Amino acid sequence: MSSHPFNDDPGAAALRERIEQWRRAEPVLRGQRERDIRNADTQASVAWFDGVFRALGPDTSRRDLGLVEQQRLFAKLRRQ
């Protein structure tokens, strides 16, 4: 009986073991993700990100600034 070439390859054995590790870890990681989502404090996260965006520059809390700037650039391109 001939052996399969991958049966003797230590790299293939390590790869099979790594795949098995991820197969066992997947349900644990999925459960942790679901708990993290369920326990997330969305209001605190929004407030934190708002603070970060404000620190980045001028009034980034205005939601229309990007659209206004985009329309200005489009108008400039049309004139060219």
PDB file of N, CA and C in Angstrom:
ATOM      1  N   MET A   1       0.852  -1.171   0.000  1.00  0.00           N
ATOM      2  CA  MET A   1       0.000   0.000   0.000  1.00  0.00           C
ATOM      3  C   MET A   1       0.902   1.240   0.000  1.00  0.00           C
ATOM      4  N   SER A   2       0.636   2.170  -0.906  1.00  0.00           N
ATOM      5  CA  SER A   2       1.459   3.384  -0.976  1.00  0.00           C
ATOM      6  C   SER A   2       0.884   4.439  -0.050  1.00  0.00           C
ATOM      7  N   SER A   3       1.789   5.215   0.514  1.00  0.00           N
ATOM      8  CA  SER A   3       1.323   6.273   1.414  1.00  0.00           C
ATOM      9  C   SER A   3       1.056   7.537   0.613  1.00  0.00           C
ATOM     10  N   HIS A   4       0.140   8.309   1.094  1.00  0.00           N
ATOM     11  CA  HIS A   4      -0.187   9.583   0.462  1.00  0.00           C
ATOM     12  C   HIS A   4       0.953  10.558   0.764  1.00  0.00           C
ATOM     13  N   PRO A   5       1.372  11.377  -0.220  1.00  0.00           N
ATOM     14  CA  PRO A   5       2.512  12.263   0.013  1.00  0.00           C
ATOM     15  C   PRO A   5       2.289  13.249   1.159  1.00  0.00           C
ATOM     16  N   PHE A   6       1.042  13.646   1.418  1.00  0.00           N
ATOM     17  CA  PHE A   6       0.787  14.612   2.487  1.00  0.00           C
ATOM     18  C   PHE A   6       0.858  13.972   3.872  1.00  0.00           C
ATOM     19  N   ASN A   7       0.741  12.653   3.936  1.00  0.00           N
ATOM     20  CA  ASN A   7       0.802  11.989   5.236  1.00  0.00           C
ATOM     21  C   ASN A   7       2.180  12.129   5.871  1.00  0.00           C
ATOM     22  N   ASP A   8       3.210  12.282   5.061  1.00  0.00           N
ATOM     23  CA  ASP A   8       4.574  12.384   5.570  1.00  0.00           C
ATOM     24  C   ASP A   8       5.054  13.824   5.696  1.00  0.00           C
ATOM     25  N   ASP A   9       4.237  14.787   5.278  1.00  0.00           N
ATOM     26  CA  ASP A   9       4.638  16.192   5.270  1.00  0.00           C
ATOM     27  C   ASP A   9       4.334  16.821   6.627  1.00  0.00           C
ATOM     28  N   PRO A  10       5.381  17.224   7.393  1.00  0.00           N
ATOM     29  CA  PRO A  10       5.117  17.837   8.698  1.00  0.00           C
ATOM     30  C   PRO A  10       4.333  19.144   8.582  1.00  0.00           C
ATOM     31  N   GLY A  11       4.506  19.872   7.500  1.00  0.00           N
ATOM     32  CA  GLY A  11       3.743  21.110   7.309  1.00  0.00           C
ATOM     33  C   GLY A  11       2.263  20.828   7.157  1.00  0.00           C
ATOM     34  N   ALA A  12       1.935  19.753   6.443  1.00  0.00           N
ATOM     35  CA  ALA A  12       0.528  19.382   6.265  1.00  0.00           C
ATOM     36  C   ALA A  12      -0.084  18.949   7.583  1.00  0.00           C
ATOM     37  N   ALA A  13       0.680  18.222   8.398  1.00  0.00           N
ATOM     38  CA  ALA A  13       0.175  17.799   9.708  1.00  0.00           C
ATOM     39  C   ALA A  13      -0.091  19.024  10.589  1.00  0.00           C
ATOM     40  N   ALA A  14       0.817  19.993  10.558  1.00  0.00           N
ATOM     41  CA  ALA A  14       0.628  21.214  11.344  1.00  0.00           C
ATOM     42  C   ALA A  14      -0.588  21.977  10.843  1.00  0.00           C
ATOM     43  N   LEU A  15      -0.788  22.007   9.534  1.00  0.00           N
ATOM     44  CA  LEU A  15      -1.950  22.687   8.960  1.00  0.00           C
ATOM     45  C   LEU A  15      -3.241  22.000   9.393  1.00  0.00           C
ATOM     46  N   ARG A  16      -3.259  20.655   9.347  1.00  0.00           N
ATOM     47  CA  ARG A  16      -4.453  19.927   9.793  1.00  0.00           C
ATOM     48  C   ARG A  16      -4.753  20.228  11.266  1.00  0.00           C
ATOM     49  N   GLU A  17      -3.718  20.293  12.106  1.00  0.00           N
ATOM     50  CA  GLU A  17      -3.910  20.594  13.521  1.00  0.00           C
ATOM     51  C   GLU A  17      -4.452  22.006  13.713  1.00  0.00           C
ATOM     52  N   ARG A  18      -3.927  22.954  12.956  1.00  0.00           N
ATOM     53  CA  ARG A  18      -4.402  24.340  13.054  1.00  0.00           C
ATOM     54  C   ARG A  18      -5.873  24.438  12.643  1.00  0.00           C
ATOM     55  N   ILE A  19      -6.241  23.733  11.584  1.00  0.00           N
ATOM     56  CA  ILE A  19      -7.642  23.725  11.138  1.00  0.00           C
ATOM     57  C   ILE A  19      -8.532  23.158  12.230  1.00  0.00           C
ATOM     58  N   GLU A  20      -8.083  22.086  12.864  1.00  0.00           N
ATOM     59  CA  GLU A  20      -8.856  21.481  13.949  1.00  0.00           C
ATOM     60  C   GLU A  20      -8.978  22.437  15.134  1.00  0.00           C
ATOM     61  N   GLN A  21      -7.911  23.179  15.450  1.00  0.00           N
ATOM     62  CA  GLN A  21      -7.969  24.165  16.538  1.00  0.00           C
ATOM     63  C   GLN A  21      -9.024  25.231  16.247  1.00  0.00           C
ATOM     64  N   TRP A  22      -9.052  25.740  15.028  1.00  0.00           N
ATOM     65  CA  TRP A  22     -10.036  26.765  14.670  1.00  0.00           C
ATOM     66  C   TRP A  22     -11.452  26.184  14.680  1.00  0.00           C
ATOM     67  N   ARG A  23     -11.592  24.900  14.273  1.00  0.00           N
ATOM     68  CA  ARG A  23     -12.916  24.266  14.292  1.00  0.00           C
ATOM     69  C   ARG A  23     -13.445  24.203  15.726  1.00  0.00           C
ATOM     70  N   ARG A  24     -12.570  23.889  16.682  1.00  0.00           N
ATOM     71  CA  ARG A  24     -12.992  23.823  18.086  1.00  0.00           C
ATOM     72  C   ARG A  24     -13.216  25.226  18.663  1.00  0.00           C
ATOM     73  N   ALA A  25     -12.450  26.197  18.229  1.00  0.00           N
ATOM     74  CA  ALA A  25     -12.543  27.551  18.783  1.00  0.00           C
ATOM     75  C   ALA A  25     -13.749  28.319  18.246  1.00  0.00           C
ATOM     76  N   GLU A  26     -14.214  27.976  17.069  1.00  0.00           N
ATOM     77  CA  GLU A  26     -15.267  28.765  16.415  1.00  0.00           C
ATOM     78  C   GLU A  26     -16.512  28.941  17.268  1.00  0.00           C
ATOM     79  N   PRO A  27     -17.075  27.892  17.878  1.00  0.00           N
ATOM     80  CA  PRO A  27     -18.282  28.121  18.691  1.00  0.00           C
ATOM     81  C   PRO A  27     -18.008  28.987  19.926  1.00  0.00           C
ATOM     82  N   VAL A  28     -16.827  28.856  20.496  1.00  0.00           N
ATOM     83  CA  VAL A  28     -16.465  29.672  21.657  1.00  0.00           C
ATOM     84  C   VAL A  28     -16.360  31.141  21.249  1.00  0.00           C
ATOM     85  N   LEU A  29     -15.695  31.391  20.121  1.00  0.00           N
ATOM     86  CA  LEU A  29     -15.550  32.762  19.629  1.00  0.00           C
ATOM     87  C   LEU A  29     -16.898  33.355  19.232  1.00  0.00           C
ATOM     88  N   ARG A  30     -17.750  32.548  18.616  1.00  0.00           N
ATOM     89  CA  ARG A  30     -19.080  33.028  18.236  1.00  0.00           C
ATOM     90  C   ARG A  30     -19.876  33.415  19.477  1.00  0.00           C
ATOM     91  N   GLY A  31     -19.814  32.587  20.509  1.00  0.00           N
ATOM     92  CA  GLY A  31     -20.510  32.896  21.755  1.00  0.00           C
ATOM     93  C   GLY A  31     -20.004  34.181  22.391  1.00  0.00           C
ATOM     94  N   GLN A  32     -18.685  34.375  22.384  1.00  0.00           N
ATOM     95  CA  GLN A  32     -18.116  35.604  22.947  1.00  0.00           C
ATOM     96  C   GLN A  32     -18.572  36.820  22.152  1.00  0.00           C
ATOM     97  N   ARG A  33     -18.589  36.705  20.834  1.00  0.00           N
ATOM     98  CA  ARG A  33     -19.039  37.816  19.986  1.00  0.00           C
ATOM     99  C   ARG A  33     -20.490  38.178  20.309  1.00  0.00           C
ATOM    100  N   GLU A  34     -21.343  37.164  20.428  1.00  0.00           N
ATOM    101  CA  GLU A  34     -22.755  37.415  20.736  1.00  0.00           C
ATOM    102  C   GLU A  34     -22.912  38.078  22.109  1.00  0.00           C
ATOM    103  N   ARG A  35     -22.128  37.643  23.102  1.00  0.00           N
ATOM    104  CA  ARG A  35     -22.185  38.283  24.427  1.00  0.00           C
ATOM    105  C   ARG A  35     -21.706  39.734  24.344  1.00  0.00           C
ATOM    106  N   ASP A  36     -20.634  39.962  23.591  1.00  0.00           N
ATOM    107  CA  ASP A  36     -20.116  41.330  23.442  1.00  0.00           C
ATOM    108  C   ASP A  36     -21.159  42.250  22.812  1.00  0.00           C
ATOM    109  N   ILE A  37     -21.833  41.758  21.791  1.00  0.00           N
ATOM    110  CA  ILE A  37     -22.864  42.568  21.116  1.00  0.00           C
ATOM    111  C   ILE A  37     -24.019  42.836  22.083  1.00  0.00           C
ATOM    112  N   ARG A  38     -24.465  41.796  22.777  1.00  0.00           N
ATOM    113  CA  ARG A  38     -25.591  41.936  23.713  1.00  0.00           C
ATOM    114  C   ARG A  38     -25.267  42.908  24.845  1.00  0.00           C
ATOM    115  N   ASN A  39     -24.030  42.923  25.295  1.00  0.00           N
ATOM    116  CA  ASN A  39     -23.645  43.754  26.440  1.00  0.00           C
ATOM    117  C   ASN A  39     -23.056  45.109  26.045  1.00  0.00           C
ATOM    118  N   ALA A  40     -23.013  45.402  24.767  1.00  0.00           N
ATOM    119  CA  ALA A  40     -22.413  46.660  24.309  1.00  0.00           C
ATOM    120  C   ALA A  40     -23.223  47.852  24.803  1.00  0.00           C
ATOM    121  N   ASP A  41     -22.517  48.888  25.209  1.00  0.00           N
ATOM    122  CA  ASP A  41     -23.153  50.139  25.622  1.00  0.00           C
ATOM    123  C   ASP A  41     -23.089  51.088  24.422  1.00  0.00           C
ATOM    124  N   THR A  42     -24.119  51.029  23.591  1.00  0.00           N
ATOM    125  CA  THR A  42     -24.120  51.783  22.338  1.00  0.00           C
ATOM    126  C   THR A  42     -24.038  53.284  22.587  1.00  0.00           C
ATOM    127  N   GLN A  43     -24.764  53.783  23.570  1.00  0.00           N
ATOM    128  CA  GLN A  43     -24.737  55.226  23.853  1.00  0.00           C
ATOM    129  C   GLN A  43     -23.333  55.685  24.240  1.00  0.00           C
ATOM    130  N   ALA A  44     -22.651  54.905  25.058  1.00  0.00           N
ATOM    131  CA  ALA A  44     -21.287  55.272  25.461  1.00  0.00           C
ATOM    132  C   ALA A  44     -20.348  55.236  24.258  1.00  0.00           C
ATOM    133  N   SER A  45     -20.532  54.256  23.389  1.00  0.00           N
ATOM    134  CA  SER A  45     -19.687  54.158  22.193  1.00  0.00           C
ATOM    135  C   SER A  45     -19.898  55.350  21.266  1.00  0.00           C
ATOM    136  N   VAL A  46     -21.155  55.724  21.062  1.00  0.00           N
ATOM    137  CA  VAL A  46     -21.451  56.872  20.202  1.00  0.00           C
ATOM    138  C   VAL A  46     -20.843  58.138  20.794  1.00  0.00           C
ATOM    139  N   ALA A  47     -20.967  58.310  22.089  1.00  0.00           N
ATOM    140  CA  ALA A  47     -20.394  59.498  22.736  1.00  0.00           C
ATOM    141  C   ALA A  47     -18.873  59.498  22.597  1.00  0.00           C
ATOM    142  N   TRP A  48     -18.250  58.344  22.748  1.00  0.00           N
ATOM    143  CA  TRP A  48     -16.792  58.264  22.620  1.00  0.00           C
ATOM    144  C   TRP A  48     -16.366  58.626  21.202  1.00  0.00           C
ATOM    145  N   PHE A  49     -17.031  58.042  20.202  1.00  0.00           N
ATOM    146  CA  PHE A  49     -16.675  58.341  18.815  1.00  0.00           C
ATOM    147  C   PHE A  49     -16.937  59.803  18.481  1.00  0.00           C
ATOM    148  N   ASP A  50     -18.008  60.363  19.019  1.00  0.00           N
ATOM    149  CA  ASP A  50     -18.286  61.777  18.781  1.00  0.00           C
ATOM    150  C   ASP A  50     -17.124  62.624  19.293  1.00  0.00           C
ATOM    151  N   GLY A  51     -16.624  62.289  20.475  1.00  0.00           N
ATOM    152  CA  GLY A  51     -15.483  63.017  21.017  1.00  0.00           C
ATOM    153  C   GLY A  51     -14.253  62.889  20.149  1.00  0.00           C
ATOM    154  N   VAL A  52     -14.023  61.701  19.617  1.00  0.00           N
ATOM    155  CA  VAL A  52     -12.867  61.478  18.734  1.00  0.00           C
ATOM    156  C   VAL A  52     -13.020  62.320  17.471  1.00  0.00           C
ATOM    157  N   PHE A  53     -14.199  62.287  16.859  1.00  0.00           N
ATOM    158  CA  PHE A  53     -14.397  63.042  15.619  1.00  0.00           C
ATOM    159  C   PHE A  53     -14.270  64.542  15.854  1.00  0.00           C
ATOM    160  N   ARG A  54     -14.761  65.010  16.981  1.00  0.00           N
ATOM    161  CA  ARG A  54     -14.634  66.443  17.293  1.00  0.00           C
ATOM    162  C   ARG A  54     -13.167  66.820  17.454  1.00  0.00           C
ATOM    163  N   ALA A  55     -12.374  65.931  18.016  1.00  0.00           N
ATOM    164  CA  ALA A  55     -10.948  66.210  18.218  1.00  0.00           C
ATOM    165  C   ALA A  55     -10.188  66.235  16.887  1.00  0.00           C
ATOM    166  N   LEU A  56     -10.749  65.619  15.862  1.00  0.00           N
ATOM    167  CA  LEU A  56     -10.066  65.542  14.566  1.00  0.00           C
ATOM    168  C   LEU A  56     -10.114  66.838  13.777  1.00  0.00           C
ATOM    169  N   GLY A  57     -11.062  67.673  14.053  1.00  0.00           N
ATOM    170  CA  GLY A  57     -11.127  68.896  13.273  1.00  0.00           C
ATOM    171  C   GLY A  57     -12.394  69.677  13.501  1.00  0.00           C
ATOM    172  N   PRO A  58     -12.666  70.590  12.604  1.00  0.00           N
ATOM    173  CA  PRO A  58     -13.832  71.461  12.761  1.00  0.00           C
ATOM    174  C   PRO A  58     -15.134  70.674  12.709  1.00  0.00           C
ATOM    175  N   ASP A  59     -16.077  71.155  13.409  1.00  0.00           N
ATOM    176  CA  ASP A  59     -17.429  70.620  13.585  1.00  0.00           C
ATOM    177  C   ASP A  59     -17.780  69.404  12.733  1.00  0.00           C
ATOM    178  N   THR A  60     -17.229  68.273  13.095  1.00  0.00           N
ATOM    179  CA  THR A  60     -17.540  67.037  12.381  1.00  0.00           C
ATOM    180  C   THR A  60     -18.868  66.443  12.820  1.00  0.00           C
ATOM    181  N   SER A  61     -19.529  67.064  13.780  1.00  0.00           N
ATOM    182  CA  SER A  61     -20.825  66.546  14.206  1.00  0.00           C
ATOM    183  C   SER A  61     -21.917  66.893  13.196  1.00  0.00           C
ATOM    184  N   ARG A  62     -21.648  67.871  12.324  1.00  0.00           N
ATOM    185  CA  ARG A  62     -22.634  68.205  11.288  1.00  0.00           C
ATOM    186  C   ARG A  62     -22.619  67.116  10.242  1.00  0.00           C
ATOM    187  N   ARG A  63     -23.749  66.516  10.027  1.00  0.00           N
ATOM    188  CA  ARG A  63     -23.832  65.368   9.125  1.00  0.00           C
ATOM    189  C   ARG A  63     -23.868  65.778   7.652  1.00  0.00           C
ATOM    190  N   ASP A  64     -24.101  67.045   7.346  1.00  0.00           N
ATOM    191  CA  ASP A  64     -24.210  67.459   5.953  1.00  0.00           C
ATOM    192  C   ASP A  64     -22.885  67.929   5.362  1.00  0.00           C
ATOM    193  N   LEU A  65     -21.847  68.061   6.168  1.00  0.00           N
ATOM    194  CA  LEU A  65     -20.595  68.619   5.661  1.00  0.00           C
ATOM    195  C   LEU A  65     -20.009  67.795   4.523  1.00  0.00           C
ATOM    196  N   GLY A  66     -20.030  66.497   4.636  1.00  0.00           N
ATOM    197  CA  GLY A  66     -19.477  65.655   3.580  1.00  0.00           C
ATOM    198  C   GLY A  66     -20.235  65.804   2.279  1.00  0.00           C
ATOM    199  N   LEU A  67     -21.548  65.828   2.350  1.00  0.00           N
ATOM    200  CA  LEU A  67     -22.368  65.965   1.154  1.00  0.00           C
ATOM    201  C   LEU A  67     -22.177  67.337   0.518  1.00  0.00           C
ATOM    202  N   VAL A  68     -22.135  68.373   1.341  1.00  0.00           N
ATOM    203  CA  VAL A  68     -21.922  69.719   0.823  1.00  0.00           C
ATOM    204  C   VAL A  68     -20.576  69.802   0.114  1.00  0.00           C
ATOM    205  N   GLU A  69     -19.553  69.272   0.730  1.00  0.00           N
ATOM    206  CA  GLU A  69     -18.217  69.278   0.125  1.00  0.00           C
ATOM    207  C   GLU A  69     -18.203  68.468  -1.170  1.00  0.00           C
ATOM    208  N   GLN A  70     -18.867  67.339  -1.178  1.00  0.00           N
ATOM    209  CA  GLN A  70     -18.932  66.516  -2.392  1.00  0.00           C
ATOM    210  C   GLN A  70     -19.619  67.284  -3.517  1.00  0.00           C
ATOM    211  N   GLN A  71     -20.730  67.946  -3.221  1.00  0.00           N
ATOM    212  CA  GLN A  71     -21.440  68.700  -4.246  1.00  0.00           C
ATOM    213  C   GLN A  71     -20.588  69.859  -4.764  1.00  0.00           C
ATOM    214  N   ARG A  72     -19.825  70.506  -3.873  1.00  0.00           N
ATOM    215  CA  ARG A  72     -18.934  71.584  -4.297  1.00  0.00           C
ATOM    216  C   ARG A  72     -17.887  71.051  -5.271  1.00  0.00           C
ATOM    217  N   LEU A  73     -17.325  69.890  -4.964  1.00  0.00           N
ATOM    218  CA  LEU A  73     -16.309  69.305  -5.859  1.00  0.00           C
ATOM    219  C   LEU A  73     -16.922  68.902  -7.196  1.00  0.00           C
ATOM    220  N   PHE A  74     -18.135  68.333  -7.179  1.00  0.00           N
ATOM    221  CA  PHE A  74     -18.786  67.956  -8.428  1.00  0.00           C
ATOM    222  C   PHE A  74     -19.034  69.193  -9.299  1.00  0.00           C
ATOM    223  N   ALA A  75     -19.495  70.286  -8.679  1.00  0.00           N
ATOM    224  CA  ALA A  75     -19.751  71.519  -9.428  1.00  0.00           C
ATOM    225  C   ALA A  75     -18.444  72.043 -10.031  1.00  0.00           C
ATOM    226  N   LYS A  76     -17.375  71.977  -9.281  1.00  0.00           N
ATOM    227  CA  LYS A  76     -16.067  72.419  -9.786  1.00  0.00           C
ATOM    228  C   LYS A  76     -15.639  71.568 -10.988  1.00  0.00           C
ATOM    229  N   LEU A  77     -15.844  70.256 -10.905  1.00  0.00           N
ATOM    230  CA  LEU A  77     -15.483  69.366 -12.007  1.00  0.00           C
ATOM    231  C   LEU A  77     -16.324  69.644 -13.250  1.00  0.00           C
ATOM    232  N   ARG A  78     -17.617  69.972 -13.060  1.00  0.00           N
ATOM    233  CA  ARG A  78     -18.479  70.268 -14.210  1.00  0.00           C
ATOM    234  C   ARG A  78     -18.006  71.525 -14.942  1.00  0.00           C
ATOM    235  N   ARG A  79     -17.485  72.506 -14.180  1.00  0.00           N
ATOM    236  CA  ARG A  79     -17.026  73.757 -14.796  1.00  0.00           C
ATOM    237  C   ARG A  79     -15.729  73.570 -15.583  1.00  0.00           C
ATOM    238  N   GLN A  80     -14.981  72.535 -15.288  1.00  0.00           N
ATOM    239  CA  GLN A  80     -13.687  72.337 -15.957  1.00  0.00           C
ATOM    240  C   GLN A  80     -13.828  71.782 -17.354  1.00  0.00           C
TER     241      GLN A  80
END
